[in-house]
């Protein structure tokens, strides 16, 4: 009797259907502010207009425009101690 060669294609399980979701809100940029002495940013979240229970405490999103900084006479620019110091960060550069 001859051996039979068969090929199987793995089947990926389908995610269960979910109800359509709606957009909860559209948020404009917030006023710019200094974080420490090295970051001039506009924070998108967290922010006062978005309830804390709607945003992960581990997800922060700020916009920092291009900016020239003169050298400091002493030390270096930075933020110092803050609640999320040591978290891994991701920086996205759209241009430049």
PDB file of N, CA and C in Angstrom:
ATOM      1  N   UNK A   1       0.844  -1.176   0.000  1.00  0.00           N
ATOM      2  CA  UNK A   1       0.000   0.000   0.000  1.00  0.00           C
ATOM      3  C   UNK A   1       0.888   1.237   0.000  1.00  0.00           C
ATOM      4  N   UNK A   2       0.557   2.217  -0.817  1.00  0.00           N
ATOM      5  CA  UNK A   2       1.324   3.457  -0.910  1.00  0.00           C
ATOM      6  C   UNK A   2       0.999   4.380   0.255  1.00  0.00           C
ATOM      7  N   UNK A   3       2.032   5.119   0.719  1.00  0.00           N
ATOM      8  CA  UNK A   3       1.800   6.130   1.765  1.00  0.00           C
ATOM      9  C   UNK A   3       1.086   7.313   1.136  1.00  0.00           C
ATOM     10  N   UNK A   4       0.223   7.929   1.905  1.00  0.00           N
ATOM     11  CA  UNK A   4      -0.546   9.066   1.412  1.00  0.00           C
ATOM     12  C   UNK A   4       0.056  10.361   1.915  1.00  0.00           C
ATOM     13  N   UNK A   5       0.299  11.319   1.054  1.00  0.00           N
ATOM     14  CA  UNK A   5       0.781  12.640   1.466  1.00  0.00           C
ATOM     15  C   UNK A   5      -0.411  13.572   1.610  1.00  0.00           C
ATOM     16  N   UNK A   6      -0.563  14.137   2.790  1.00  0.00           N
ATOM     17  CA  UNK A   6      -1.645  15.108   2.993  1.00  0.00           C
ATOM     18  C   UNK A   6      -1.060  16.373   3.579  1.00  0.00           C
ATOM     19  N   UNK A   7      -1.615  17.460   3.213  1.00  0.00           N
ATOM     20  CA  UNK A   7      -1.200  18.750   3.752  1.00  0.00           C
ATOM     21  C   UNK A   7      -2.396  19.359   4.439  1.00  0.00           C
ATOM     22  N   UNK A   8      -2.176  19.831   5.652  1.00  0.00           N
ATOM     23  CA  UNK A   8      -3.271  20.488   6.356  1.00  0.00           C
ATOM     24  C   UNK A   8      -2.963  21.966   6.480  1.00  0.00           C
ATOM     25  N   UNK A   9      -3.967  22.768   6.397  1.00  0.00           N
ATOM     26  CA  UNK A   9      -3.840  24.209   6.568  1.00  0.00           C
ATOM     27  C   UNK A   9      -4.350  24.551   7.950  1.00  0.00           C
ATOM     28  N   UNK A  10      -3.492  25.214   8.778  1.00  0.00           N
ATOM     29  CA  UNK A  10      -3.983  25.564  10.112  1.00  0.00           C
ATOM     30  C   UNK A  10      -5.173  26.504  10.021  1.00  0.00           C
ATOM     31  N   UNK A  11      -6.091  26.313  10.917  1.00  0.00           N
ATOM     32  CA  UNK A  11      -7.286  27.147  10.953  1.00  0.00           C
ATOM     33  C   UNK A  11      -7.136  28.129  12.105  1.00  0.00           C
ATOM     34  N   UNK A  12      -7.205  29.404  11.794  1.00  0.00           N
ATOM     35  CA  UNK A  12      -7.128  30.432  12.823  1.00  0.00           C
ATOM     36  C   UNK A  12      -8.520  30.653  13.381  1.00  0.00           C
ATOM     37  N   UNK A  13      -8.668  30.530  14.699  1.00  0.00           N
ATOM     38  CA  UNK A  13     -10.010  30.754  15.252  1.00  0.00           C
ATOM     39  C   UNK A  13     -10.444  32.192  15.056  1.00  0.00           C
ATOM     40  N   UNK A  14     -11.676  32.387  14.773  1.00  0.00           N
ATOM     41  CA  UNK A  14     -12.219  33.731  14.573  1.00  0.00           C
ATOM     42  C   UNK A  14     -12.589  34.338  15.916  1.00  0.00           C
ATOM     43  N   UNK A  15     -12.321  35.620  16.033  1.00  0.00           N
ATOM     44  CA  UNK A  15     -12.721  36.328  17.252  1.00  0.00           C
ATOM     45  C   UNK A  15     -14.241  36.432  17.265  1.00  0.00           C
ATOM     46  N   UNK A  16     -14.840  36.350  18.429  1.00  0.00           N
ATOM     47  CA  UNK A  16     -16.301  36.477  18.478  1.00  0.00           C
ATOM     48  C   UNK A  16     -16.723  37.862  18.001  1.00  0.00           C
ATOM     49  N   UNK A  17     -17.846  37.904  17.360  1.00  0.00           N
ATOM     50  CA  UNK A  17     -18.364  39.186  16.862  1.00  0.00           C
ATOM     51  C   UNK A  17     -18.679  40.097  18.043  1.00  0.00           C
ATOM     52  N   UNK A  18     -18.346  41.358  17.892  1.00  0.00           N
ATOM     53  CA  UNK A  18     -18.653  42.327  18.942  1.00  0.00           C
ATOM     54  C   UNK A  18     -19.547  43.418  18.371  1.00  0.00           C
ATOM     55  N   UNK A  19     -20.220  44.069  19.269  1.00  0.00           N
ATOM     56  CA  UNK A  19     -21.087  45.167  18.839  1.00  0.00           C
ATOM     57  C   UNK A  19     -20.228  46.322  18.348  1.00  0.00           C
ATOM     58  N   UNK A  20     -20.702  47.090  17.385  1.00  0.00           N
ATOM     59  CA  UNK A  20     -19.930  48.248  16.917  1.00  0.00           C
ATOM     60  C   UNK A  20     -19.682  49.215  18.074  1.00  0.00           C
ATOM     61  N   UNK A  21     -18.530  49.837  18.047  1.00  0.00           N
ATOM     62  CA  UNK A  21     -18.203  50.810  19.093  1.00  0.00           C
ATOM     63  C   UNK A  21     -18.347  52.214  18.537  1.00  0.00           C
ATOM     64  N   UNK A  22     -18.549  53.143  19.439  1.00  0.00           N
ATOM     65  CA  UNK A  22     -18.669  54.533  19.005  1.00  0.00           C
ATOM     66  C   UNK A  22     -17.502  55.340  19.563  1.00  0.00           C
ATOM     67  N   UNK A  23     -17.276  56.474  19.007  1.00  0.00           N
ATOM     68  CA  UNK A  23     -16.211  57.373  19.467  1.00  0.00           C
ATOM     69  C   UNK A  23     -16.699  58.053  20.737  1.00  0.00           C
ATOM     70  N   UNK A  24     -15.902  57.935  21.798  1.00  0.00           N
ATOM     71  CA  UNK A  24     -16.297  58.487  23.096  1.00  0.00           C
ATOM     72  C   UNK A  24     -16.082  59.997  23.155  1.00  0.00           C
ATOM     73  N   UNK A  25     -15.128  60.507  22.396  1.00  0.00           N
ATOM     74  CA  UNK A  25     -14.883  61.946  22.446  1.00  0.00           C
ATOM     75  C   UNK A  25     -13.732  62.343  21.547  1.00  0.00           C
ATOM     76  N   UNK A  26     -13.687  63.597  21.220  1.00  0.00           N
ATOM     77  CA  UNK A  26     -12.589  64.173  20.443  1.00  0.00           C
ATOM     78  C   UNK A  26     -11.966  65.242  21.327  1.00  0.00           C
ATOM     79  N   UNK A  27     -10.676  65.158  21.527  1.00  0.00           N
ATOM     80  CA  UNK A  27     -10.000  66.064  22.445  1.00  0.00           C
ATOM     81  C   UNK A  27      -9.017  66.956  21.705  1.00  0.00           C
ATOM     82  N   UNK A  28      -9.126  68.224  21.931  1.00  0.00           N
ATOM     83  CA  UNK A  28      -8.205  69.194  21.346  1.00  0.00           C
ATOM     84  C   UNK A  28      -6.927  69.218  22.172  1.00  0.00           C
ATOM     85  N   UNK A  29      -5.892  69.817  21.622  1.00  0.00           N
ATOM     86  CA  UNK A  29      -4.640  69.886  22.368  1.00  0.00           C
ATOM     87  C   UNK A  29      -4.806  70.775  23.596  1.00  0.00           C
ATOM     88  N   UNK A  30      -4.053  70.454  24.612  1.00  0.00           N
ATOM     89  CA  UNK A  30      -4.068  71.218  25.859  1.00  0.00           C
ATOM     90  C   UNK A  30      -3.009  72.322  25.768  1.00  0.00           C
ATOM     91  N   UNK A  31      -3.086  73.328  26.623  1.00  0.00           N
ATOM     92  CA  UNK A  31      -2.051  74.363  26.614  1.00  0.00           C
ATOM     93  C   UNK A  31      -0.677  73.753  26.913  1.00  0.00           C
ATOM     94  N   UNK A  32       0.357  74.343  26.346  1.00  0.00           N
ATOM     95  CA  UNK A  32       1.714  73.861  26.588  1.00  0.00           C
ATOM     96  C   UNK A  32       2.164  74.237  27.990  1.00  0.00           C
ATOM     97  N   UNK A  33       2.994  73.389  28.572  1.00  0.00           N
ATOM     98  CA  UNK A  33       3.558  73.649  29.891  1.00  0.00           C
ATOM     99  C   UNK A  33       4.935  72.987  29.970  1.00  0.00           C
ATOM    100  N   UNK A  34       5.722  73.419  30.936  1.00  0.00           N
ATOM    101  CA  UNK A  34       7.043  72.835  31.142  1.00  0.00           C
ATOM    102  C   UNK A  34       6.942  71.651  32.087  1.00  0.00           C
ATOM    103  N   UNK A  35       7.609  70.590  31.741  1.00  0.00           N
ATOM    104  CA  UNK A  35       7.779  69.448  32.630  1.00  0.00           C
ATOM    105  C   UNK A  35       9.250  69.477  33.010  1.00  0.00           C
ATOM    106  N   UNK A  36       9.511  69.746  34.291  1.00  0.00           N
ATOM    107  CA  UNK A  36      10.899  69.912  34.707  1.00  0.00           C
ATOM    108  C   UNK A  36      11.499  71.109  33.989  1.00  0.00           C
ATOM    109  N   UNK A  37      12.758  71.009  33.655  1.00  0.00           N
ATOM    110  CA  UNK A  37      13.401  72.105  32.924  1.00  0.00           C
ATOM    111  C   UNK A  37      13.855  71.659  31.532  1.00  0.00           C
ATOM    112  N   UNK A  38      13.225  70.598  31.028  1.00  0.00           N
ATOM    113  CA  UNK A  38      13.684  70.098  29.747  1.00  0.00           C
ATOM    114  C   UNK A  38      12.630  69.702  28.746  1.00  0.00           C
ATOM    115  N   UNK A  39      11.362  69.758  29.117  1.00  0.00           N
ATOM    116  CA  UNK A  39      10.326  69.305  28.191  1.00  0.00           C
ATOM    117  C   UNK A  39       9.182  70.309  28.145  1.00  0.00           C
ATOM    118  N   UNK A  40       8.977  70.910  27.001  1.00  0.00           N
ATOM    119  CA  UNK A  40       7.885  71.853  26.774  1.00  0.00           C
ATOM    120  C   UNK A  40       6.834  71.077  26.006  1.00  0.00           C
ATOM    121  N   UNK A  41       5.735  70.693  26.666  1.00  0.00           N
ATOM    122  CA  UNK A  41       4.787  69.750  26.072  1.00  0.00           C
ATOM    123  C   UNK A  41       3.337  70.182  26.218  1.00  0.00           C
ATOM    124  N   UNK A  42       2.509  69.572  25.409  1.00  0.00           N
ATOM    125  CA  UNK A  42       1.054  69.634  25.527  1.00  0.00           C
ATOM    126  C   UNK A  42       0.626  68.204  25.831  1.00  0.00           C
ATOM    127  N   UNK A  43      -0.071  67.999  26.944  1.00  0.00           N
ATOM    128  CA  UNK A  43      -0.482  66.646  27.343  1.00  0.00           C
ATOM    129  C   UNK A  43      -1.863  66.319  26.795  1.00  0.00           C
ATOM    130  N   UNK A  44      -1.960  65.176  26.133  1.00  0.00           N
ATOM    131  CA  UNK A  44      -3.256  64.719  25.632  1.00  0.00           C
ATOM    132  C   UNK A  44      -3.926  63.831  26.667  1.00  0.00           C
ATOM    133  N   UNK A  45      -3.186  62.913  27.253  1.00  0.00           N
ATOM    134  CA  UNK A  45      -3.697  62.176  28.397  1.00  0.00           C
ATOM    135  C   UNK A  45      -2.527  61.652  29.193  1.00  0.00           C
ATOM    136  N   UNK A  46      -2.672  61.600  30.499  1.00  0.00           N
ATOM    137  CA  UNK A  46      -3.878  61.961  31.234  1.00  0.00           C
ATOM    138  C   UNK A  46      -4.092  63.465  31.229  1.00  0.00           C
ATOM    139  N   UNK A  47      -5.321  63.859  31.436  1.00  0.00           N
ATOM    140  CA  UNK A  47      -5.675  65.272  31.524  1.00  0.00           C
ATOM    141  C   UNK A  47      -6.987  65.403  32.286  1.00  0.00           C
ATOM    142  N   UNK A  48      -7.239  66.561  32.875  1.00  0.00           N
ATOM    143  CA  UNK A  48      -8.430  66.725  33.715  1.00  0.00           C
ATOM    144  C   UNK A  48      -9.755  66.449  33.009  1.00  0.00           C
ATOM    145  N   UNK A  49      -9.844  66.699  31.698  1.00  0.00           N
ATOM    146  CA  UNK A  49     -11.121  66.524  31.005  1.00  0.00           C
ATOM    147  C   UNK A  49     -11.444  65.062  30.676  1.00  0.00           C
ATOM    148  N   UNK A  50     -10.483  64.156  30.884  1.00  0.00           N
ATOM    149  CA  UNK A  50     -10.722  62.735  30.623  1.00  0.00           C
ATOM    150  C   UNK A  50     -10.752  62.014  31.971  1.00  0.00           C
ATOM    151  N   UNK A  51     -11.879  61.369  32.321  1.00  0.00           N
ATOM    152  CA  UNK A  51     -11.969  60.685  33.611  1.00  0.00           C
ATOM    153  C   UNK A  51     -10.856  59.645  33.782  1.00  0.00           C
ATOM    154  N   UNK A  52     -10.264  59.593  34.961  1.00  0.00           N
ATOM    155  CA  UNK A  52      -9.140  58.695  35.237  1.00  0.00           C
ATOM    156  C   UNK A  52      -9.470  57.237  34.929  1.00  0.00           C
ATOM    157  N   UNK A  53     -10.708  56.817  35.152  1.00  0.00           N
ATOM    158  CA  UNK A  53     -11.068  55.421  34.897  1.00  0.00           C
ATOM    159  C   UNK A  53     -11.109  55.080  33.406  1.00  0.00           C
ATOM    160  N   UNK A  54     -11.024  56.081  32.545  1.00  0.00           N
ATOM    161  CA  UNK A  54     -11.029  55.856  31.092  1.00  0.00           C
ATOM    162  C   UNK A  54      -9.631  55.770  30.494  1.00  0.00           C
ATOM    163  N   UNK A  55      -8.594  56.031  31.316  1.00  0.00           N
ATOM    164  CA  UNK A  55      -7.226  56.078  30.804  1.00  0.00           C
ATOM    165  C   UNK A  55      -6.325  55.208  31.676  1.00  0.00           C
ATOM    166  N   UNK A  56      -5.457  54.451  31.062  1.00  0.00           N
ATOM    167  CA  UNK A  56      -4.508  53.636  31.809  1.00  0.00           C
ATOM    168  C   UNK A  56      -3.468  54.530  32.476  1.00  0.00           C
ATOM    169  N   UNK A  57      -3.127  54.257  33.728  1.00  0.00           N
ATOM    170  CA  UNK A  57      -2.077  55.049  34.374  1.00  0.00           C
ATOM    171  C   UNK A  57      -0.701  54.771  33.777  1.00  0.00           C
ATOM    172  N   UNK A  58      -0.596  53.763  32.923  1.00  0.00           N
ATOM    173  CA  UNK A  58       0.673  53.405  32.307  1.00  0.00           C
ATOM    174  C   UNK A  58       0.804  53.933  30.883  1.00  0.00           C
ATOM    175  N   UNK A  59      -0.167  54.686  30.435  1.00  0.00           N
ATOM    176  CA  UNK A  59      -0.139  55.219  29.087  1.00  0.00           C
ATOM    177  C   UNK A  59      -0.216  56.739  29.155  1.00  0.00           C
ATOM    178  N   UNK A  60       0.838  57.390  28.710  1.00  0.00           N
ATOM    179  CA  UNK A  60       0.912  58.844  28.728  1.00  0.00           C
ATOM    180  C   UNK A  60       1.151  59.308  27.299  1.00  0.00           C
ATOM    181  N   UNK A  61       0.539  60.415  26.923  1.00  0.00           N
ATOM    182  CA  UNK A  61       0.766  60.931  25.573  1.00  0.00           C
ATOM    183  C   UNK A  61       0.900  62.440  25.638  1.00  0.00           C
ATOM    184  N   UNK A  62       2.092  62.906  25.290  1.00  0.00           N
ATOM    185  CA  UNK A  62       2.393  64.332  25.228  1.00  0.00           C
ATOM    186  C   UNK A  62       2.879  64.666  23.830  1.00  0.00           C
ATOM    187  N   UNK A  63       2.705  65.912  23.454  1.00  0.00           N
ATOM    188  CA  UNK A  63       3.271  66.401  22.193  1.00  0.00           C
ATOM    189  C   UNK A  63       4.319  67.437  22.551  1.00  0.00           C
ATOM    190  N   UNK A  64       5.520  67.237  22.058  1.00  0.00           N
ATOM    191  CA  UNK A  64       6.593  68.205  22.277  1.00  0.00           C
ATOM    192  C   UNK A  64       7.079  68.723  20.941  1.00  0.00           C
ATOM    193  N   UNK A  65       6.829  70.002  20.647  1.00  0.00           N
ATOM    194  CA  UNK A  65       7.265  70.539  19.364  1.00  0.00           C
ATOM    195  C   UNK A  65       8.785  70.669  19.310  1.00  0.00           C
ATOM    196  N   UNK A  66       9.299  70.815  18.121  1.00  0.00           N
ATOM    197  CA  UNK A  66      10.724  71.040  17.923  1.00  0.00           C
ATOM    198  C   UNK A  66      11.114  72.322  18.665  1.00  0.00           C
ATOM    199  N   UNK A  67      12.226  72.270  19.356  1.00  0.00           N
ATOM    200  CA  UNK A  67      12.624  73.428  20.156  1.00  0.00           C
ATOM    201  C   UNK A  67      14.135  73.421  20.333  1.00  0.00           C
ATOM    202  N   UNK A  68      14.751  74.589  20.243  1.00  0.00           N
ATOM    203  CA  UNK A  68      16.193  74.742  20.478  1.00  0.00           C
ATOM    204  C   UNK A  68      16.418  75.083  21.940  1.00  0.00           C
ATOM    205  N   UNK A  69      17.403  74.461  22.561  1.00  0.00           N
ATOM    206  CA  UNK A  69      17.745  74.736  23.953  1.00  0.00           C
ATOM    207  C   UNK A  69      19.191  75.205  24.026  1.00  0.00           C
ATOM    208  N   UNK A  70      19.412  76.310  24.721  1.00  0.00           N
ATOM    209  CA  UNK A  70      20.776  76.783  24.950  1.00  0.00           C
ATOM    210  C   UNK A  70      21.424  75.874  25.989  1.00  0.00           C
ATOM    211  N   UNK A  71      22.739  75.696  25.931  1.00  0.00           N
ATOM    212  CA  UNK A  71      23.405  74.882  26.953  1.00  0.00           C
ATOM    213  C   UNK A  71      23.188  75.479  28.342  1.00  0.00           C
ATOM    214  N   UNK A  72      23.104  74.621  29.338  1.00  0.00           N
ATOM    215  CA  UNK A  72      22.944  75.084  30.713  1.00  0.00           C
ATOM    216  C   UNK A  72      24.314  75.390  31.306  1.00  0.00           C
ATOM    217  N   UNK A  73      24.374  76.377  32.190  1.00  0.00           N
ATOM    218  CA  UNK A  73      25.633  76.730  32.834  1.00  0.00           C
ATOM    219  C   UNK A  73      26.126  75.580  33.717  1.00  0.00           C
ATOM    220  N   UNK A  74      25.216  74.875  34.371  1.00  0.00           N
ATOM    221  CA  UNK A  74      25.548  73.754  35.244  1.00  0.00           C
ATOM    222  C   UNK A  74      24.520  72.645  35.083  1.00  0.00           C
ATOM    223  N   UNK A  75      24.950  71.434  35.299  1.00  0.00           N
ATOM    224  CA  UNK A  75      24.026  70.305  35.299  1.00  0.00           C
ATOM    225  C   UNK A  75      23.482  69.973  33.929  1.00  0.00           C
ATOM    226  N   UNK A  76      22.374  69.285  33.937  1.00  0.00           N
ATOM    227  CA  UNK A  76      21.732  68.903  32.679  1.00  0.00           C
ATOM    228  C   UNK A  76      20.228  69.038  32.803  1.00  0.00           C
ATOM    229  N   UNK A  77      19.581  69.105  31.670  1.00  0.00           N
ATOM    230  CA  UNK A  77      18.128  69.237  31.666  1.00  0.00           C
ATOM    231  C   UNK A  77      17.483  67.919  32.076  1.00  0.00           C
ATOM    232  N   UNK A  78      16.307  68.015  32.639  1.00  0.00           N
ATOM    233  CA  UNK A  78      15.605  66.803  33.043  1.00  0.00           C
ATOM    234  C   UNK A  78      14.391  67.124  33.875  1.00  0.00           C
ATOM    235  N   UNK A  79      13.837  66.101  34.468  1.00  0.00           N
ATOM    236  CA  UNK A  79      12.596  66.235  35.206  1.00  0.00           C
ATOM    237  C   UNK A  79      12.793  65.972  36.697  1.00  0.00           C
ATOM    238  N   UNK A  80      13.754  65.164  37.070  1.00  0.00           N
ATOM    239  CA  UNK A  80      13.895  64.810  38.473  1.00  0.00           C
ATOM    240  C   UNK A  80      12.917  63.702  38.835  1.00  0.00           C
ATOM    241  N   UNK A  81      12.665  63.525  40.130  1.00  0.00           N
ATOM    242  CA  UNK A  81      11.779  62.454  40.564  1.00  0.00           C
ATOM    243  C   UNK A  81      10.352  62.742  40.119  1.00  0.00           C
ATOM    244  N   UNK A  82       9.656  61.730  39.647  1.00  0.00           N
ATOM    245  CA  UNK A  82       8.242  61.824  39.311  1.00  0.00           C
ATOM    246  C   UNK A  82       7.636  60.420  39.364  1.00  0.00           C
ATOM    247  N   UNK A  83       6.310  60.307  39.490  1.00  0.00           N
ATOM    248  CA  UNK A  83       5.666  59.000  39.735  1.00  0.00           C
ATOM    249  C   UNK A  83       5.971  57.921  38.707  1.00  0.00           C
ATOM    250  N   UNK A  84       6.191  58.274  37.444  1.00  0.00           N
ATOM    251  CA  UNK A  84       6.432  57.246  36.438  1.00  0.00           C
ATOM    252  C   UNK A  84       7.896  57.189  36.005  1.00  0.00           C
ATOM    253  N   UNK A  85       8.783  57.704  36.823  1.00  0.00           N
ATOM    254  CA  UNK A  85      10.214  57.637  36.516  1.00  0.00           C
ATOM    255  C   UNK A  85      10.633  56.170  36.430  1.00  0.00           C
ATOM    256  N   UNK A  86      11.390  55.846  35.399  1.00  0.00           N
ATOM    257  CA  UNK A  86      11.843  54.473  35.212  1.00  0.00           C
ATOM    258  C   UNK A  86      10.965  53.655  34.291  1.00  0.00           C
ATOM    259  N   UNK A  87       9.800  54.171  33.922  1.00  0.00           N
ATOM    260  CA  UNK A  87       8.962  53.454  32.951  1.00  0.00           C
ATOM    261  C   UNK A  87       9.674  53.474  31.601  1.00  0.00           C
ATOM    262  N   UNK A  88       9.492  52.443  30.839  1.00  0.00           N
ATOM    263  CA  UNK A  88      10.011  52.446  29.473  1.00  0.00           C
ATOM    264  C   UNK A  88       9.188  53.427  28.661  1.00  0.00           C
ATOM    265  N   UNK A  89       9.833  54.175  27.804  1.00  0.00           N
ATOM    266  CA  UNK A  89       9.105  55.146  26.984  1.00  0.00           C
ATOM    267  C   UNK A  89       9.281  54.851  25.510  1.00  0.00           C
ATOM    268  N   UNK A  90       8.340  55.319  24.743  1.00  0.00           N
ATOM    269  CA  UNK A  90       8.405  55.229  23.296  1.00  0.00           C
ATOM    270  C   UNK A  90       8.296  56.650  22.767  1.00  0.00           C
ATOM    271  N   UNK A  91       9.218  57.031  21.929  1.00  0.00           N
ATOM    272  CA  UNK A  91       9.178  58.358  21.329  1.00  0.00           C
ATOM    273  C   UNK A  91       8.898  58.184  19.848  1.00  0.00           C
ATOM    274  N   UNK A  92       7.907  58.896  19.354  1.00  0.00           N
ATOM    275  CA  UNK A  92       7.568  58.843  17.941  1.00  0.00           C
ATOM    276  C   UNK A  92       7.949  60.192  17.341  1.00  0.00           C
ATOM    277  N   UNK A  93       8.784  60.166  16.323  1.00  0.00           N
ATOM    278  CA  UNK A  93       9.166  61.397  15.632  1.00  0.00           C
ATOM    279  C   UNK A  93       8.482  61.389  14.270  1.00  0.00           C
ATOM    280  N   UNK A  94       7.558  62.305  14.067  1.00  0.00           N
ATOM    281  CA  UNK A  94       6.822  62.353  12.803  1.00  0.00           C
ATOM    282  C   UNK A  94       7.677  62.921  11.683  1.00  0.00           C
ATOM    283  N   UNK A  95       8.515  63.881  12.005  1.00  0.00           N
ATOM    284  CA  UNK A  95       9.388  64.505  11.014  1.00  0.00           C
ATOM    285  C   UNK A  95      10.730  64.809  11.654  1.00  0.00           C
ATOM    286  N   UNK A  96      11.761  64.808  10.818  1.00  0.00           N
ATOM    287  CA  UNK A  96      13.072  65.277  11.286  1.00  0.00           C
ATOM    288  C   UNK A  96      13.850  64.371  12.148  1.00  0.00           C
TER     289      UNK A  96
END
